[in-house]
Amino acid sequence: MSEELYRENILDHYKNPRNKGKLSNAVEQKEINPLCGDEITIYLTIGSDKINKIKFEGHGCAVSQASISMLTEKVQGMPIEEAKKLTADDIIEMLGIPISHTRMKCALLSLKTLQKGLKNA
């Protein structure tokens, strides 16, 4: 996929986020990027050692919101141990475009929120 298609994909996830909303009776984890104000809250339901369902709420830049939208699609149904092994490189690869140093915290806010949520699950 060309870089331009990846950018279009990021904008699509930003404008039409997947898995946006709340889940009741779920593990809830909220994280904020204090540098820019991006905010993500995830809701996880866990069963049989896997992520049964994941949703999120949040606001911020296109990179942070697209990142969490893409990540929810990637991890839904994933075994917990596999999800815990996701790295910054996985997120950057998923986004598919070069991420500047100043935008890296935006891109990785989704992973930070997921990792903390899984620790509390």
Protein backbone atom coordinates (compact mmCIF):
# COMPACT_ATOMS: atom_id res chain seq x y z
CA MET A 1 0.00 0.00 0.00
CA SER A 2 1.33 3.45 -0.81
CA GLU A 3 1.87 6.06 1.89
CA GLU A 4 -1.04 8.05 0.45
CA LEU A 5 -3.41 5.08 0.89
CA TYR A 6 -2.25 4.69 4.48
CA ARG A 7 -2.97 8.37 5.10
CA GLU A 8 -6.45 7.93 3.64
CA ASN A 9 -6.92 4.91 5.92
CA ILE A 10 -5.91 6.98 8.96
CA LEU A 11 -8.38 9.71 7.99
CA ASP A 12 -11.11 7.12 7.46
CA HIS A 13 -10.54 5.67 10.95
CA TYR A 14 -10.50 9.19 12.39
CA LYS A 15 -13.74 10.24 10.69
CA ASN A 16 -15.46 6.84 11.00
CA PRO A 17 -13.95 5.19 14.09
CA ARG A 18 -14.49 1.49 14.58
CA ASN A 19 -15.61 0.14 17.95
CA LYS A 20 -16.37 3.56 19.39
CA GLY A 21 -18.61 3.55 22.43
CA LYS A 22 -18.85 2.16 25.96
CA LEU A 23 -19.22 -1.35 27.29
CA SER A 24 -20.93 -2.07 30.58
CA ASN A 25 -19.42 -4.53 33.06
CA ALA A 26 -16.02 -4.02 31.45
CA VAL A 27 -12.49 -3.22 32.53
CA GLU A 28 -12.10 0.53 31.98
CA GLN A 29 -8.77 2.29 31.43
CA LYS A 30 -8.24 5.97 30.67
CA GLU A 31 -5.00 7.59 29.53
CA ILE A 32 -4.16 11.14 28.52
CA ASN A 33 -1.26 12.54 26.55
CA PRO A 34 -0.49 15.66 28.63
CA LEU A 35 1.60 17.19 25.84
CA CYS A 36 -1.33 17.64 23.46
CA GLY A 37 -4.46 16.68 25.39
CA ASP A 38 -5.28 13.51 23.43
CA GLU A 39 -7.48 11.26 25.55
CA ILE A 40 -8.47 7.59 25.23
CA THR A 41 -10.66 5.41 27.43
CA ILE A 42 -10.92 1.74 26.55
CA TYR A 43 -13.50 -0.77 27.73
CA LEU A 44 -12.53 -4.47 27.68
CA THR A 45 -14.45 -7.63 28.33
CA ILE A 46 -12.29 -10.68 28.84
CA GLY A 47 -13.21 -14.34 28.69
CA SER A 48 -11.43 -17.62 28.02
CA ASP A 49 -8.08 -15.78 28.18
CA LYS A 50 -8.92 -13.56 25.21
CA ILE A 51 -10.30 -10.11 24.51
CA ASN A 52 -13.96 -10.80 23.82
CA LYS A 53 -14.94 -7.22 23.14
CA ILE A 54 -13.21 -3.85 23.10
CA LYS A 55 -14.60 -0.37 22.62
CA PHE A 56 -13.22 3.09 23.18
CA GLU A 57 -14.10 6.71 23.69
CA GLY A 58 -11.78 9.62 23.24
CA HIS A 59 -10.79 12.75 21.46
CA GLY A 60 -7.63 14.17 20.00
CA CYS A 61 -5.66 14.27 16.79
CA ALA A 62 -6.20 12.02 13.79
CA VAL A 63 -3.15 9.91 14.64
CA SER A 64 -4.22 9.06 18.21
CA GLN A 65 -7.84 8.38 17.33
CA ALA A 66 -7.06 6.35 14.20
CA SER A 67 -4.48 4.38 16.16
CA ILE A 68 -7.01 3.29 18.81
CA SER A 69 -9.66 2.55 16.19
CA MET A 70 -7.23 0.32 14.27
CA LEU A 71 -5.95 -1.31 17.45
CA THR A 72 -9.45 -2.27 18.60
CA GLU A 73 -9.99 -4.05 15.28
CA LYS A 74 -6.66 -5.83 15.59
CA VAL A 75 -7.06 -7.12 19.16
CA GLN A 76 -10.74 -8.06 19.31
CA GLY A 77 -10.77 -11.83 19.80
CA MET A 78 -6.99 -11.92 20.35
CA PRO A 79 -5.56 -14.01 23.21
CA ILE A 80 -4.55 -11.76 26.12
CA GLU A 81 -0.96 -13.02 26.13
CA GLU A 82 -0.61 -12.16 22.44
CA ALA A 83 -2.08 -8.68 22.97
CA LYS A 84 0.37 -8.05 25.83
CA LYS A 85 3.25 -8.69 23.43
CA LEU A 86 2.28 -5.91 21.02
CA THR A 87 5.00 -3.27 20.66
CA ALA A 88 5.45 0.26 19.41
CA ASP A 89 6.75 -1.22 16.16
CA ASP A 90 3.44 -3.07 15.71
CA ILE A 91 1.51 0.20 16.07
CA ILE A 92 3.77 2.08 13.67
CA GLU A 93 3.49 -0.74 11.14
CA MET A 94 -0.29 -0.75 11.55
CA LEU A 95 -0.44 3.02 10.89
CA GLY A 96 1.78 2.58 7.83
CA ILE A 97 3.26 6.07 7.66
CA PRO A 98 6.39 7.61 9.13
CA ILE A 99 5.61 9.05 12.57
CA SER A 100 7.62 12.07 13.67
CA HIS A 101 9.13 12.23 17.13
CA THR A 102 6.54 14.82 18.21
CA ARG A 103 3.63 12.58 17.09
CA MET A 104 5.00 9.34 18.56
CA LYS A 105 3.19 9.79 21.91
CA CYS A 106 -0.04 10.36 19.97
CA ALA A 107 0.45 7.16 17.98
CA LEU A 108 1.37 5.08 21.03
CA LEU A 109 -1.33 6.33 23.41
CA SER A 110 -3.58 3.49 22.22
CA LEU A 111 -0.98 0.85 23.07
CA LYS A 112 -0.24 2.41 26.47
CA THR A 113 -3.96 2.42 27.31
CA LEU A 114 -4.43 -1.20 26.19
CA GLN A 115 -1.39 -2.43 28.12
CA LYS A 116 -2.52 -0.76 31.35
CA GLY A 117 -6.07 -2.03 30.83
CA LEU A 118 -4.84 -5.61 30.38
CA LYS A 119 -2.82 -5.36 33.61
CA ASN A 120 -6.03 -4.40 35.42
CA ALA A 121 -8.10 -7.16 33.78
